[in-house]
Amino acid sequence: MSDAGLTVAVTGPTGTFGFGLIPLLEADPRIERVVGIARRPFDPSEHGWSKMEYRQGDVRDPEALRNAFDKADVVVHLAFMITGTASRETIRAINVEGTLNAFKAAAAAGAG
């Protein structure tokens, strides 16, 4: 992996941790492109994110992850659910199965 022109894919870019990480990725000169995958649409330019490409998807959808992670050098998995009105099954599907899906898709993409 080269030190320049990197593509970083991020799940959960609009969550608490994502909002902390994305500005750092945007400021890093080694990173050329950031692919953000989230369930709800968002406009990266509203946050001043010029390297970010939005991809709608869900960690429970392995195909969406594979598509978003294609050609990524690095994957950062930040999508998770802590509390709320969601059922235990939904929380497990996102936190456990979604994490496994993200790891498998990252491995398939050859990302670190």
N, C-alpha and C. Protein backbone atom coordinates (compact mmCIF):
# COMPACT_ATOMS: atom_id res chain seq x y z
N MET A 1 0.85 -1.18 0.00
CA MET A 1 0.00 0.00 0.00
C MET A 1 0.89 1.24 0.00
N SER A 2 0.63 2.13 -0.92
CA SER A 2 1.36 3.39 -1.03
C SER A 2 0.95 4.34 0.09
N ASP A 3 1.79 5.32 0.35
CA ASP A 3 1.48 6.32 1.38
C ASP A 3 0.69 7.50 0.82
N ALA A 4 0.36 7.48 -0.46
CA ALA A 4 -0.38 8.60 -1.04
C ALA A 4 -1.50 8.06 -1.92
N GLY A 5 -2.53 8.88 -2.10
CA GLY A 5 -3.64 8.49 -2.95
C GLY A 5 -4.53 7.43 -2.36
N LEU A 6 -4.58 7.36 -1.03
CA LEU A 6 -5.36 6.32 -0.36
C LEU A 6 -6.85 6.58 -0.45
N THR A 7 -7.60 5.47 -0.52
CA THR A 7 -9.06 5.51 -0.41
C THR A 7 -9.44 4.86 0.91
N VAL A 8 -10.20 5.58 1.72
CA VAL A 8 -10.66 5.08 3.01
C VAL A 8 -12.18 4.98 2.97
N ALA A 9 -12.71 3.80 3.27
CA ALA A 9 -14.16 3.61 3.36
C ALA A 9 -14.54 3.62 4.84
N VAL A 10 -15.64 4.30 5.15
CA VAL A 10 -16.06 4.45 6.55
C VAL A 10 -17.54 4.11 6.67
N THR A 11 -17.86 3.15 7.56
CA THR A 11 -19.26 2.93 7.91
C THR A 11 -19.58 3.86 9.07
N GLY A 12 -20.79 4.37 9.09
CA GLY A 12 -21.19 5.26 10.18
C GLY A 12 -20.51 6.61 10.16
N PRO A 13 -20.33 7.22 8.98
CA PRO A 13 -19.60 8.49 8.93
C PRO A 13 -20.33 9.66 9.57
N THR A 14 -21.64 9.54 9.77
CA THR A 14 -22.40 10.66 10.33
C THR A 14 -22.73 10.47 11.80
N GLY A 15 -22.20 9.42 12.40
CA GLY A 15 -22.39 9.21 13.83
C GLY A 15 -21.39 10.03 14.63
N THR A 16 -21.44 9.89 15.94
CA THR A 16 -20.56 10.65 16.82
C THR A 16 -19.09 10.43 16.49
N PHE A 17 -18.69 9.17 16.35
CA PHE A 17 -17.28 8.89 16.05
C PHE A 17 -16.92 9.29 14.63
N GLY A 18 -17.85 9.09 13.70
CA GLY A 18 -17.62 9.49 12.32
C GLY A 18 -17.38 10.98 12.18
N PHE A 19 -18.21 11.78 12.87
CA PHE A 19 -18.03 13.23 12.81
C PHE A 19 -16.70 13.66 13.40
N GLY A 20 -16.13 12.85 14.28
CA GLY A 20 -14.80 13.14 14.81
C GLY A 20 -13.70 12.72 13.86
N LEU A 21 -13.91 11.60 13.16
CA LEU A 21 -12.87 11.04 12.29
C LEU A 21 -12.80 11.72 10.92
N ILE A 22 -13.93 11.96 10.30
CA ILE A 22 -13.93 12.44 8.92
C ILE A 22 -13.11 13.72 8.73
N PRO A 23 -13.20 14.72 9.60
CA PRO A 23 -12.35 15.91 9.40
C PRO A 23 -10.85 15.57 9.42
N LEU A 24 -10.46 14.58 10.21
CA LEU A 24 -9.05 14.17 10.24
C LEU A 24 -8.65 13.52 8.92
N LEU A 25 -9.55 12.69 8.38
CA LEU A 25 -9.27 12.06 7.08
C LEU A 25 -9.22 13.11 5.98
N GLU A 26 -10.14 14.06 6.04
CA GLU A 26 -10.17 15.15 5.05
C GLU A 26 -8.88 15.96 5.08
N ALA A 27 -8.30 16.14 6.24
CA ALA A 27 -7.09 16.95 6.39
C ALA A 27 -5.80 16.20 6.06
N ASP A 28 -5.87 14.89 5.97
CA ASP A 28 -4.67 14.08 5.75
C ASP A 28 -4.31 14.09 4.26
N PRO A 29 -3.14 14.61 3.90
CA PRO A 29 -2.77 14.70 2.48
C PRO A 29 -2.56 13.34 1.81
N ARG A 30 -2.36 12.29 2.59
CA ARG A 30 -2.18 10.96 2.00
C ARG A 30 -3.49 10.37 1.50
N ILE A 31 -4.61 10.92 1.98
CA ILE A 31 -5.92 10.37 1.64
C ILE A 31 -6.53 11.18 0.51
N GLU A 32 -6.80 10.47 -0.57
CA GLU A 32 -7.37 11.11 -1.76
C GLU A 32 -8.89 11.06 -1.76
N ARG A 33 -9.43 9.96 -1.23
CA ARG A 33 -10.88 9.75 -1.33
C ARG A 33 -11.38 9.07 -0.07
N VAL A 34 -12.56 9.49 0.40
CA VAL A 34 -13.23 8.86 1.54
C VAL A 34 -14.62 8.44 1.05
N VAL A 35 -14.94 7.17 1.23
CA VAL A 35 -16.25 6.66 0.85
C VAL A 35 -17.03 6.43 2.14
N GLY A 36 -18.11 7.17 2.30
CA GLY A 36 -18.93 7.05 3.51
C GLY A 36 -20.20 6.28 3.20
N ILE A 37 -20.45 5.21 3.95
CA ILE A 37 -21.65 4.41 3.76
C ILE A 37 -22.55 4.59 4.98
N ALA A 38 -23.79 5.00 4.71
CA ALA A 38 -24.75 5.25 5.78
C ALA A 38 -26.16 4.92 5.29
N ARG A 39 -27.03 4.60 6.24
CA ARG A 39 -28.42 4.28 5.88
C ARG A 39 -29.17 5.49 5.37
N ARG A 40 -28.98 6.61 6.02
CA ARG A 40 -29.73 7.82 5.65
C ARG A 40 -28.88 8.70 4.74
N PRO A 41 -29.51 9.26 3.72
CA PRO A 41 -28.76 10.15 2.82
C PRO A 41 -28.19 11.37 3.56
N PHE A 42 -27.04 11.79 3.12
CA PHE A 42 -26.44 13.02 3.63
C PHE A 42 -25.61 13.64 2.52
N ASP A 43 -25.40 14.93 2.63
CA ASP A 43 -24.61 15.66 1.64
C ASP A 43 -23.27 16.03 2.27
N PRO A 44 -22.19 15.36 1.84
CA PRO A 44 -20.88 15.65 2.43
C PRO A 44 -20.50 17.13 2.36
N SER A 45 -20.90 17.81 1.30
CA SER A 45 -20.51 19.22 1.14
C SER A 45 -21.13 20.11 2.22
N GLU A 46 -22.25 19.68 2.80
CA GLU A 46 -22.85 20.46 3.89
C GLU A 46 -21.95 20.52 5.11
N HIS A 47 -21.04 19.56 5.22
CA HIS A 47 -20.10 19.51 6.33
C HIS A 47 -18.71 19.99 5.91
N GLY A 48 -18.59 20.43 4.66
CA GLY A 48 -17.29 20.87 4.16
C GLY A 48 -16.38 19.72 3.77
N TRP A 49 -16.96 18.55 3.57
CA TRP A 49 -16.17 17.36 3.23
C TRP A 49 -16.05 17.26 1.72
N SER A 50 -14.88 17.53 1.20
CA SER A 50 -14.68 17.53 -0.25
C SER A 50 -14.15 16.20 -0.79
N LYS A 51 -13.55 15.39 0.07
CA LYS A 51 -13.03 14.09 -0.37
C LYS A 51 -14.07 12.98 -0.26
N MET A 52 -15.15 13.25 0.44
CA MET A 52 -16.16 12.24 0.77
C MET A 52 -17.12 11.98 -0.39
N GLU A 53 -17.35 10.69 -0.65
CA GLU A 53 -18.39 10.23 -1.56
C GLU A 53 -19.40 9.47 -0.72
N TYR A 54 -20.67 9.86 -0.81
CA TYR A 54 -21.72 9.18 -0.04
C TYR A 54 -22.21 7.96 -0.80
N ARG A 55 -22.37 6.85 -0.08
CA ARG A 55 -23.00 5.64 -0.61
C ARG A 55 -24.08 5.22 0.37
N GLN A 56 -25.30 5.11 -0.12
CA GLN A 56 -26.37 4.65 0.76
C GLN A 56 -26.23 3.14 0.93
N GLY A 57 -26.33 2.69 2.17
CA GLY A 57 -26.22 1.27 2.45
C GLY A 57 -26.37 1.01 3.93
N ASP A 58 -26.37 -0.25 4.26
CA ASP A 58 -26.60 -0.69 5.63
C ASP A 58 -25.62 -1.82 5.92
N VAL A 59 -25.08 -1.86 7.12
CA VAL A 59 -24.13 -2.92 7.46
C VAL A 59 -24.79 -4.30 7.45
N ARG A 60 -26.10 -4.33 7.46
CA ARG A 60 -26.80 -5.61 7.38
C ARG A 60 -26.91 -6.11 5.94
N ASP A 61 -26.42 -5.33 4.99
CA ASP A 61 -26.49 -5.66 3.56
C ASP A 61 -25.07 -5.91 3.03
N PRO A 62 -24.64 -7.18 3.00
CA PRO A 62 -23.27 -7.48 2.57
C PRO A 62 -22.93 -6.94 1.18
N GLU A 63 -23.88 -6.98 0.26
CA GLU A 63 -23.61 -6.48 -1.10
C GLU A 63 -23.34 -4.98 -1.10
N ALA A 64 -24.10 -4.22 -0.34
CA ALA A 64 -23.87 -2.77 -0.24
C ALA A 64 -22.47 -2.49 0.30
N LEU A 65 -22.05 -3.28 1.28
CA LEU A 65 -20.71 -3.09 1.84
C LEU A 65 -19.64 -3.45 0.81
N ARG A 66 -19.82 -4.56 0.12
CA ARG A 66 -18.84 -4.95 -0.90
C ARG A 66 -18.70 -3.85 -1.96
N ASN A 67 -19.83 -3.30 -2.39
CA ASN A 67 -19.79 -2.22 -3.39
C ASN A 67 -19.10 -0.98 -2.85
N ALA A 68 -19.40 -0.60 -1.62
CA ALA A 68 -18.81 0.60 -1.03
C ALA A 68 -17.32 0.43 -0.77
N PHE A 69 -16.90 -0.77 -0.42
CA PHE A 69 -15.50 -1.02 -0.07
C PHE A 69 -14.63 -1.34 -1.29
N ASP A 70 -15.23 -1.47 -2.46
CA ASP A 70 -14.47 -1.80 -3.67
C ASP A 70 -13.37 -0.75 -3.89
N LYS A 71 -12.17 -1.20 -4.06
CA LYS A 71 -10.98 -0.36 -4.29
C LYS A 71 -10.55 0.45 -3.06
N ALA A 72 -11.11 0.15 -1.89
CA ALA A 72 -10.68 0.84 -0.67
C ALA A 72 -9.35 0.25 -0.19
N ASP A 73 -8.47 1.12 0.24
CA ASP A 73 -7.20 0.67 0.84
C ASP A 73 -7.38 0.36 2.31
N VAL A 74 -8.27 1.12 2.95
CA VAL A 74 -8.51 1.01 4.38
C VAL A 74 -10.01 1.08 4.62
N VAL A 75 -10.51 0.28 5.57
CA VAL A 75 -11.91 0.34 5.99
C VAL A 75 -11.95 0.65 7.48
N VAL A 76 -12.76 1.63 7.85
CA VAL A 76 -12.98 1.96 9.26
C VAL A 76 -14.46 1.70 9.54
N HIS A 77 -14.73 0.77 10.44
CA HIS A 77 -16.11 0.39 10.75
C HIS A 77 -16.56 1.09 12.03
N LEU A 78 -17.47 2.06 11.87
CA LEU A 78 -17.95 2.85 13.00
C LEU A 78 -19.46 2.74 13.19
N ALA A 79 -20.14 1.98 12.35
CA ALA A 79 -21.60 1.88 12.45
C ALA A 79 -21.97 0.93 13.58
N PHE A 80 -22.79 1.42 14.49
CA PHE A 80 -23.27 0.58 15.59
C PHE A 80 -24.48 1.25 16.21
N MET A 81 -25.17 0.51 17.05
CA MET A 81 -26.35 1.03 17.74
C MET A 81 -26.20 0.71 19.21
N ILE A 82 -26.42 1.70 20.07
CA ILE A 82 -26.30 1.48 21.52
C ILE A 82 -27.66 1.30 22.16
N THR A 83 -28.50 2.29 22.02
CA THR A 83 -29.81 2.25 22.66
C THR A 83 -30.86 2.76 21.70
N GLY A 84 -32.04 2.90 22.21
CA GLY A 84 -33.12 3.42 21.39
C GLY A 84 -34.32 2.51 21.47
N THR A 85 -35.19 2.67 20.53
CA THR A 85 -36.42 1.89 20.54
C THR A 85 -36.31 0.61 19.72
N ALA A 86 -35.14 0.36 19.15
CA ALA A 86 -34.96 -0.84 18.32
C ALA A 86 -35.03 -2.09 19.18
N SER A 87 -35.46 -3.17 18.56
CA SER A 87 -35.53 -4.45 19.26
C SER A 87 -34.13 -5.01 19.48
N ARG A 88 -34.04 -5.96 20.38
CA ARG A 88 -32.75 -6.64 20.63
C ARG A 88 -32.25 -7.30 19.36
N GLU A 89 -33.18 -7.84 18.58
CA GLU A 89 -32.81 -8.50 17.33
C GLU A 89 -32.17 -7.51 16.35
N THR A 90 -32.76 -6.32 16.26
CA THR A 90 -32.21 -5.30 15.36
C THR A 90 -30.84 -4.84 15.84
N ILE A 91 -30.72 -4.62 17.13
CA ILE A 91 -29.42 -4.19 17.68
C ILE A 91 -28.36 -5.26 17.43
N ARG A 92 -28.71 -6.51 17.64
CA ARG A 92 -27.76 -7.61 17.37
C ARG A 92 -27.41 -7.67 15.88
N ALA A 93 -28.42 -7.52 15.02
CA ALA A 93 -28.17 -7.58 13.58
C ALA A 93 -27.20 -6.49 13.15
N ILE A 94 -27.34 -5.30 13.71
CA ILE A 94 -26.45 -4.20 13.35
C ILE A 94 -25.07 -4.37 13.98
N ASN A 95 -25.04 -4.62 15.29
CA ASN A 95 -23.76 -4.64 16.01
C ASN A 95 -22.94 -5.90 15.78
N VAL A 96 -23.58 -7.04 15.74
CA VAL A 96 -22.83 -8.30 15.61
C VAL A 96 -22.74 -8.73 14.15
N GLU A 97 -23.90 -8.95 13.53
CA GLU A 97 -23.88 -9.42 12.15
C GLU A 97 -23.35 -8.34 11.20
N GLY A 98 -23.70 -7.08 11.48
CA GLY A 98 -23.19 -5.99 10.65
C GLY A 98 -21.68 -5.87 10.72
N THR A 99 -21.12 -6.06 11.90
CA THR A 99 -19.67 -6.02 12.05
C THR A 99 -19.01 -7.17 11.29
N LEU A 100 -19.59 -8.36 11.38
CA LEU A 100 -19.06 -9.49 10.62
C LEU A 100 -19.14 -9.22 9.12
N ASN A 101 -20.26 -8.65 8.68
CA ASN A 101 -20.40 -8.30 7.26
C ASN A 101 -19.32 -7.30 6.84
N ALA A 102 -19.06 -6.31 7.69
CA ALA A 102 -18.05 -5.30 7.37
C ALA A 102 -16.66 -5.93 7.29
N PHE A 103 -16.34 -6.83 8.21
CA PHE A 103 -15.03 -7.49 8.17
C PHE A 103 -14.87 -8.34 6.92
N LYS A 104 -15.92 -9.08 6.58
CA LYS A 104 -15.86 -9.93 5.38
C LYS A 104 -15.73 -9.09 4.11
N ALA A 105 -16.48 -8.00 4.03
CA ALA A 105 -16.42 -7.14 2.85
C ALA A 105 -15.05 -6.45 2.74
N ALA A 106 -14.49 -6.04 3.87
CA ALA A 106 -13.16 -5.43 3.86
C ALA A 106 -12.11 -6.43 3.39
N ALA A 107 -12.21 -7.66 3.87
CA ALA A 107 -11.27 -8.71 3.45
C ALA A 107 -11.42 -8.99 1.95
N ALA A 108 -12.65 -9.05 1.48
CA ALA A 108 -12.89 -9.30 0.06
C ALA A 108 -12.33 -8.18 -0.82
N ALA A 109 -12.34 -6.96 -0.30
CA ALA A 109 -11.81 -5.81 -1.04
C ALA A 109 -10.29 -5.73 -0.95
N GLY A 110 -9.70 -6.52 -0.05
CA GLY A 110 -8.26 -6.46 0.15
C GLY A 110 -7.83 -5.26 0.95
N ALA A 111 -8.79 -4.69 1.69
CA ALA A 111 -8.50 -3.49 2.48
C ALA A 111 -7.89 -3.85 3.82
N GLY A 112 -7.18 -2.89 4.39
CA GLY A 112 -6.59 -3.08 5.70
C GLY A 112 -7.47 -2.49 6.77
